[in-house]
Amino acid sequence: MNNFEKNITFVIVSFNSDHVIERCVNSINRNIKIIVVENSGSIQIKNYLENKFSNVEVIIAEENLGYGRGNNLGMARVHTKYAFILNPDAFLEENCLEEMHKAQFTLKDNFTILAPNYNYNHGFFLENASGFNIKDYKNHNLQDEIKEVDYVIGFAMLINLQKINFKDIFDKNFFLFLEEIDLCKRIKNIGGNIFIVKNAKVKHLEGQASKRNLNIELCRNWHWMWSLFYYNRKHFGIIVAYKVTISKFFSSIYKLLVGLIFFKKEKYLTHKYRILGLIAAYTGKNSWFRP
């Protein structure tokens, strides 16, 4: 284990992710410290992981903290220079950390976030209503081995804790969605640097961190709408936030009615919860809905 790896602690936020997290942990060098924050309260998952992996510490959250607050809790226990945020449904490919080490050495540690490369998990802030465009990668060829970007998707990213001094690294008001985009926006606002390392690869199973059921899906839809309004209000003002979301609000009303008329229960409920998430955001309520 080199000095770069000695300075890394992995933080993984889990919610009943025992069906995928073992593969995630197995992809990490057994000599690197891993902190798992278990949002489900499962003592069984804690006992299993800590008994099987000597480098794993599991923190049982007192409540379901979500992605942002869960990572804040985990990072509060980090005593190394870097915290590597990794989703339980992601795993490192061979030589991922070696390639990130090369990038860290090349950059001479002048970065706030360094992220591996997978399926266009990066983007650039645009001068448009929502402030970012997840598909904007099409206009930016990732030709250089190390590419500076405006934001990265939060399933895998190395945070240089010596370059960040926010009281809460992730905004605790988010429960799910856009927490990492918000973090990247705040980092760019203070002149921080965010990079993608082209040859450092991860695999992401995308959406498999929690076992899927209707309640989880309704929660995800509720929070996507709430977070979209909150993010835009925070960074661009309330007029922009309404501009970004109002068409989605009326679209969901239409799709809810279609689902109701044609007895499509899941479609009806999905858009019902999207509407409820936006109403909560419009009326200034916290992101209270939990699975």
Protein backbone atom coordinates (compact mmCIF):
# COMPACT_ATOMS: atom_id res chain seq x y z
CA MET A 1 0.00 0.00 0.00
CA ASN A 2 1.51 3.34 -1.07
CA ASN A 3 1.31 6.68 0.79
CA PHE A 4 -1.63 7.80 -1.35
CA GLU A 5 -3.72 4.79 -0.29
CA LYS A 6 -2.64 5.22 3.33
CA ASN A 7 -4.21 8.67 3.22
CA ILE A 8 -7.62 7.41 2.01
CA THR A 9 -10.67 6.38 4.02
CA PHE A 10 -13.66 5.07 2.09
CA VAL A 11 -17.13 6.19 3.19
CA ILE A 12 -20.09 4.11 2.00
CA VAL A 13 -23.68 5.01 2.87
CA SER A 14 -25.95 1.97 2.83
CA PHE A 15 -29.66 1.30 3.24
CA ASN A 16 -30.20 -2.46 3.40
CA SER A 17 -27.55 -2.78 0.69
CA ASP A 18 -26.29 -6.19 1.82
CA HIS A 19 -27.15 -7.64 -1.62
CA VAL A 20 -24.48 -5.48 -3.32
CA ILE A 21 -22.16 -3.99 -0.70
CA GLU A 22 -19.93 -7.05 -0.31
CA ARG A 23 -18.80 -6.77 -3.92
CA CYS A 24 -18.12 -3.08 -3.34
CA VAL A 25 -15.99 -3.74 -0.26
CA ASN A 26 -14.14 -6.58 -1.99
CA SER A 27 -12.99 -4.19 -4.72
CA ILE A 28 -11.05 -2.11 -2.17
CA ASN A 29 -7.59 -2.93 -0.85
CA ARG A 30 -8.04 -4.79 2.46
CA ASN A 31 -5.50 -2.44 4.09
CA ILE A 32 -7.58 0.67 3.43
CA LYS A 33 -10.01 1.83 6.11
CA ILE A 34 -13.70 1.66 5.18
CA ILE A 35 -16.51 3.34 7.11
CA VAL A 36 -20.03 2.14 6.30
CA VAL A 37 -22.96 4.23 7.50
CA GLU A 38 -25.98 1.92 7.69
CA ASN A 39 -29.15 3.98 7.43
CA SER A 40 -31.52 1.05 7.97
CA GLY A 41 -30.49 0.43 11.59
CA SER A 42 -29.63 -3.20 10.80
CA ILE A 43 -27.33 -4.66 13.45
CA GLN A 44 -27.13 -7.85 11.36
CA ILE A 45 -25.45 -5.99 8.50
CA LYS A 46 -23.03 -4.37 10.95
CA ASN A 47 -22.08 -7.68 12.55
CA TYR A 48 -21.70 -9.46 9.22
CA LEU A 49 -19.46 -6.84 7.60
CA GLU A 50 -17.29 -6.19 10.65
CA ASN A 51 -16.79 -9.91 11.24
CA LYS A 52 -15.90 -10.60 7.62
CA PHE A 53 -13.75 -7.51 6.88
CA SER A 54 -11.18 -6.35 9.43
CA ASN A 55 -10.86 -2.95 7.71
CA VAL A 56 -14.57 -2.15 7.91
CA GLU A 57 -16.28 -0.11 10.64
CA VAL A 58 -20.08 0.11 10.46
CA ILE A 59 -21.87 3.07 12.01
CA ILE A 60 -25.54 2.49 12.71
CA ALA A 61 -27.43 5.72 12.09
CA GLU A 62 -30.18 6.53 14.58
CA GLU A 63 -32.48 7.38 11.68
CA ASN A 64 -32.43 7.19 7.89
CA LEU A 65 -30.14 10.14 7.16
CA GLY A 66 -30.13 9.85 3.39
CA TYR A 67 -27.07 10.25 1.18
CA GLY A 68 -25.76 13.66 2.24
CA ARG A 69 -26.17 13.52 6.00
CA GLY A 70 -25.05 9.90 6.00
CA ASN A 71 -21.81 10.85 4.27
CA ASN A 72 -21.36 13.78 6.66
CA LEU A 73 -21.64 11.36 9.58
CA GLY A 74 -19.10 9.01 8.02
CA MET A 75 -16.66 11.79 7.13
CA ALA A 76 -16.79 13.08 10.71
CA ARG A 77 -14.96 9.84 11.61
CA VAL A 78 -12.33 10.21 8.87
CA HIS A 79 -8.83 11.06 10.07
CA THR A 80 -7.03 10.73 6.75
CA LYS A 81 -6.29 13.37 4.15
CA TYR A 82 -8.86 12.07 1.69
CA ALA A 83 -12.37 10.67 1.96
CA PHE A 84 -13.43 8.46 -0.95
CA ILE A 85 -17.23 8.54 -1.27
CA LEU A 86 -18.46 5.31 -2.87
CA ASN A 87 -21.98 3.99 -3.33
CA PRO A 88 -22.61 0.41 -2.21
CA ASP A 89 -23.72 -0.51 -5.75
CA ALA A 90 -20.41 0.65 -7.24
CA PHE A 91 -17.07 -1.11 -7.25
CA LEU A 92 -13.54 -0.22 -8.30
CA GLU A 93 -12.03 -1.77 -11.37
CA GLU A 94 -8.45 -3.00 -11.26
CA ASN A 95 -5.85 -0.20 -11.15
CA CYS A 96 -8.48 2.46 -10.35
CA LEU A 97 -6.59 3.77 -7.33
CA GLU A 98 -3.28 3.47 -9.15
CA GLU A 99 -4.55 5.75 -11.91
CA MET A 100 -5.97 8.19 -9.36
CA HIS A 101 -2.62 8.19 -7.59
CA LYS A 102 -0.93 9.19 -10.85
CA ALA A 103 -3.43 12.03 -11.24
CA GLN A 104 -2.93 13.16 -7.64
CA PHE A 105 0.83 13.23 -8.20
CA THR A 106 0.49 15.11 -11.50
CA LEU A 107 -1.86 17.68 -9.96
CA LYS A 108 0.44 18.05 -6.94
CA ASP A 109 -2.64 17.70 -4.73
CA ASN A 110 -4.22 20.82 -6.24
CA PHE A 111 -7.76 19.47 -6.38
CA THR A 112 -10.85 19.44 -4.20
CA ILE A 113 -12.54 16.47 -5.87
CA LEU A 114 -10.94 13.78 -8.00
CA ALA A 115 -13.29 11.23 -9.53
CA PRO A 116 -12.91 8.03 -11.54
CA ASN A 117 -14.49 7.83 -14.96
CA TYR A 118 -17.66 5.92 -15.79
CA ASN A 119 -20.45 6.44 -18.29
CA TYR A 120 -20.15 10.23 -18.46
CA ASN A 121 -20.40 10.78 -14.73
CA HIS A 122 -19.35 14.40 -15.12
CA GLY A 123 -20.61 17.63 -16.63
CA PHE A 124 -20.41 21.36 -16.93
CA PHE A 125 -22.58 24.11 -15.48
CA LEU A 126 -24.45 26.02 -18.14
CA GLU A 127 -25.93 29.46 -18.36
CA ASN A 128 -29.47 28.15 -18.40
CA ALA A 129 -32.39 27.95 -16.06
CA SER A 130 -31.39 24.88 -14.10
CA GLY A 131 -27.70 25.74 -13.94
CA PHE A 132 -26.47 22.30 -15.02
CA ASN A 133 -27.05 19.77 -17.73
CA ILE A 134 -26.29 16.12 -17.14
CA LYS A 135 -26.03 15.51 -20.89
CA ASP A 136 -23.64 18.33 -21.64
CA TYR A 137 -20.74 15.86 -21.80
CA LYS A 138 -21.60 15.41 -25.50
CA ASN A 139 -20.08 18.81 -26.19
CA HIS A 140 -16.85 18.11 -24.29
CA ASN A 141 -14.60 15.30 -25.48
CA LEU A 142 -12.69 13.69 -22.63
CA GLN A 143 -9.42 13.51 -24.55
CA ASP A 144 -6.98 14.36 -21.78
CA GLU A 145 -6.08 11.75 -19.20
CA ILE A 146 -7.06 14.24 -16.48
CA LYS A 147 -9.96 16.54 -17.32
CA GLU A 148 -11.21 19.47 -15.27
CA VAL A 149 -15.01 19.49 -15.05
CA ASP A 150 -17.62 21.48 -13.16
CA TYR A 151 -19.28 18.57 -11.39
CA VAL A 152 -19.26 14.81 -10.99
CA ILE A 153 -21.99 12.36 -10.06
CA GLY A 154 -21.63 11.32 -6.44
CA PHE A 155 -21.46 7.53 -6.60
CA ALA A 156 -17.64 7.62 -6.66
CA MET A 157 -15.47 10.61 -5.79
CA LEU A 158 -12.35 11.37 -3.77
CA ILE A 159 -12.64 14.48 -1.61
CA ASN A 160 -9.49 16.31 -0.55
CA LEU A 161 -10.50 17.24 2.99
CA GLN A 162 -7.63 19.72 3.30
CA LYS A 163 -9.11 21.81 0.50
CA ILE A 164 -12.61 22.13 1.89
CA ASN A 165 -13.78 23.95 5.00
CA PHE A 166 -17.57 23.80 4.82
CA LYS A 167 -19.26 23.20 8.17
CA ASP A 168 -21.34 20.49 6.49
CA ILE A 169 -19.64 19.05 3.42
CA PHE A 170 -23.03 17.99 2.06
CA ASP A 171 -26.04 20.24 2.57
CA LYS A 172 -28.06 18.41 5.23
CA ASN A 173 -31.35 19.73 3.81
CA PHE A 174 -31.13 17.30 0.90
CA PHE A 175 -32.21 13.73 1.59
CA LEU A 176 -31.80 12.28 -1.88
CA PHE A 177 -30.68 13.65 -5.28
CA LEU A 178 -28.51 16.64 -6.24
CA GLU A 179 -26.49 16.74 -3.01
CA GLU A 180 -23.27 16.17 -4.95
CA ILE A 181 -24.21 18.69 -7.66
CA ASP A 182 -24.84 21.22 -4.90
CA LEU A 183 -21.47 20.38 -3.32
CA CYS A 184 -19.67 20.78 -6.65
CA LYS A 185 -21.44 24.10 -7.26
CA ARG A 186 -20.30 25.39 -3.87
CA ILE A 187 -16.75 24.18 -4.53
CA LYS A 188 -16.63 25.93 -7.91
CA ASN A 189 -18.07 29.09 -6.33
CA ILE A 190 -15.04 29.32 -4.02
CA GLY A 191 -12.54 28.53 -6.76
CA GLY A 192 -12.05 24.81 -6.06
CA ASN A 193 -11.00 22.31 -8.72
CA ILE A 194 -12.82 19.14 -9.77
CA PHE A 195 -11.25 16.55 -12.05
CA ILE A 196 -12.16 13.32 -13.82
CA VAL A 197 -9.40 10.73 -14.25
CA LYS A 198 -10.06 9.07 -17.60
CA ASN A 199 -8.18 5.82 -16.97
CA ALA A 200 -9.46 5.29 -13.43
CA LYS A 201 -12.56 3.16 -13.85
CA VAL A 202 -15.45 2.08 -11.66
CA LYS A 203 -18.56 0.07 -12.37
CA HIS A 204 -21.89 1.35 -11.14
CA LEU A 205 -24.95 -0.88 -11.00
CA GLU A 206 -27.11 2.28 -10.99
CA GLY A 207 -30.11 2.26 -8.73
CA GLN A 208 -29.38 -1.07 -7.05
CA ALA A 209 -28.06 0.35 -3.77
CA SER A 210 -31.45 -0.36 -2.18
CA LYS A 211 -33.73 -3.28 -2.85
CA ARG A 212 -36.40 -2.01 -5.18
CA ASN A 213 -40.04 -1.83 -4.17
CA LEU A 214 -42.87 0.58 -4.85
CA ASN A 215 -42.32 2.53 -1.64
CA ILE A 216 -38.66 3.14 -2.53
CA GLU A 217 -39.64 4.30 -6.02
CA LEU A 218 -42.27 6.68 -4.65
CA CYS A 219 -39.68 8.08 -2.25
CA ARG A 220 -37.20 8.61 -5.09
CA ASN A 221 -39.79 10.47 -7.19
CA TRP A 222 -40.88 12.64 -4.26
CA HIS A 223 -37.32 13.65 -3.49
CA TRP A 224 -36.27 14.23 -7.09
CA MET A 225 -38.88 16.97 -7.39
CA TRP A 226 -38.24 18.43 -3.95
CA SER A 227 -34.48 18.51 -4.51
CA LEU A 228 -34.77 20.01 -7.98
CA PHE A 229 -36.75 22.97 -6.66
CA TYR A 230 -34.55 23.39 -3.56
CA TYR A 231 -31.28 23.26 -5.51
CA ASN A 232 -32.40 25.89 -8.01
CA ARG A 233 -33.91 28.16 -5.36
CA LYS A 234 -30.69 27.97 -3.35
CA HIS A 235 -28.36 28.82 -6.22
CA PHE A 236 -30.44 30.82 -8.69
CA GLY A 237 -33.42 32.20 -6.80
CA ILE A 238 -37.07 31.34 -6.44
CA ILE A 239 -38.16 32.61 -9.89
CA VAL A 240 -35.71 30.27 -11.62
CA ALA A 241 -36.75 27.42 -9.33
CA TYR A 242 -40.39 27.84 -10.37
CA LYS A 243 -39.39 28.20 -14.03
CA VAL A 244 -37.46 24.90 -13.91
CA THR A 245 -40.18 22.91 -12.15
CA ILE A 246 -43.59 24.33 -13.08
CA SER A 247 -43.84 22.45 -16.40
CA LYS A 248 -42.95 19.21 -14.56
CA PHE A 249 -45.70 19.97 -12.05
CA PHE A 250 -48.40 20.25 -14.74
CA SER A 251 -46.96 17.31 -16.67
CA SER A 252 -47.29 15.16 -13.57
CA ILE A 253 -50.90 16.27 -13.07
CA TYR A 254 -51.68 15.19 -16.63
CA LYS A 255 -49.91 11.83 -16.22
CA LEU A 256 -51.60 11.26 -12.87
CA LEU A 257 -54.99 11.69 -14.54
CA VAL A 258 -54.00 9.32 -17.35
CA GLY A 259 -52.93 6.73 -14.80
CA LEU A 260 -56.21 7.18 -12.91
CA ILE A 261 -58.40 6.92 -16.03
CA PHE A 262 -56.64 3.82 -17.37
CA PHE A 263 -56.23 2.13 -13.98
CA LYS A 264 -52.42 2.28 -14.10
CA LYS A 265 -51.79 2.30 -10.37
CA GLU A 266 -48.00 2.66 -10.46
CA LYS A 267 -48.11 5.51 -12.98
CA TYR A 268 -50.77 7.26 -10.91
CA LEU A 269 -48.84 6.90 -7.65
CA THR A 270 -45.50 7.89 -9.19
CA HIS A 271 -46.84 11.21 -10.41
CA LYS A 272 -48.91 11.74 -7.29
CA TYR A 273 -45.71 11.62 -5.24
CA ARG A 274 -43.89 13.86 -7.71
CA ILE A 275 -46.65 16.42 -7.23
CA LEU A 276 -46.53 16.04 -3.44
CA GLY A 277 -42.76 16.54 -3.46
CA LEU A 278 -43.09 19.74 -5.43
CA ILE A 279 -45.94 21.03 -3.26
CA ALA A 280 -43.76 20.46 -0.18
CA ALA A 281 -40.93 22.38 -1.85
CA TYR A 282 -43.24 25.19 -3.04
CA THR A 283 -44.60 25.65 0.48
CA GLY A 284 -41.13 25.71 2.06
CA LYS A 285 -41.36 22.40 3.88
CA ASN A 286 -38.30 20.29 4.65
CA SER A 287 -37.63 17.07 2.77
CA TRP A 288 -39.61 15.04 5.28
CA PHE A 289 -40.69 11.99 3.25
CA ARG A 290 -38.88 8.74 4.15
CA PRO A 291 -39.16 5.18 2.80
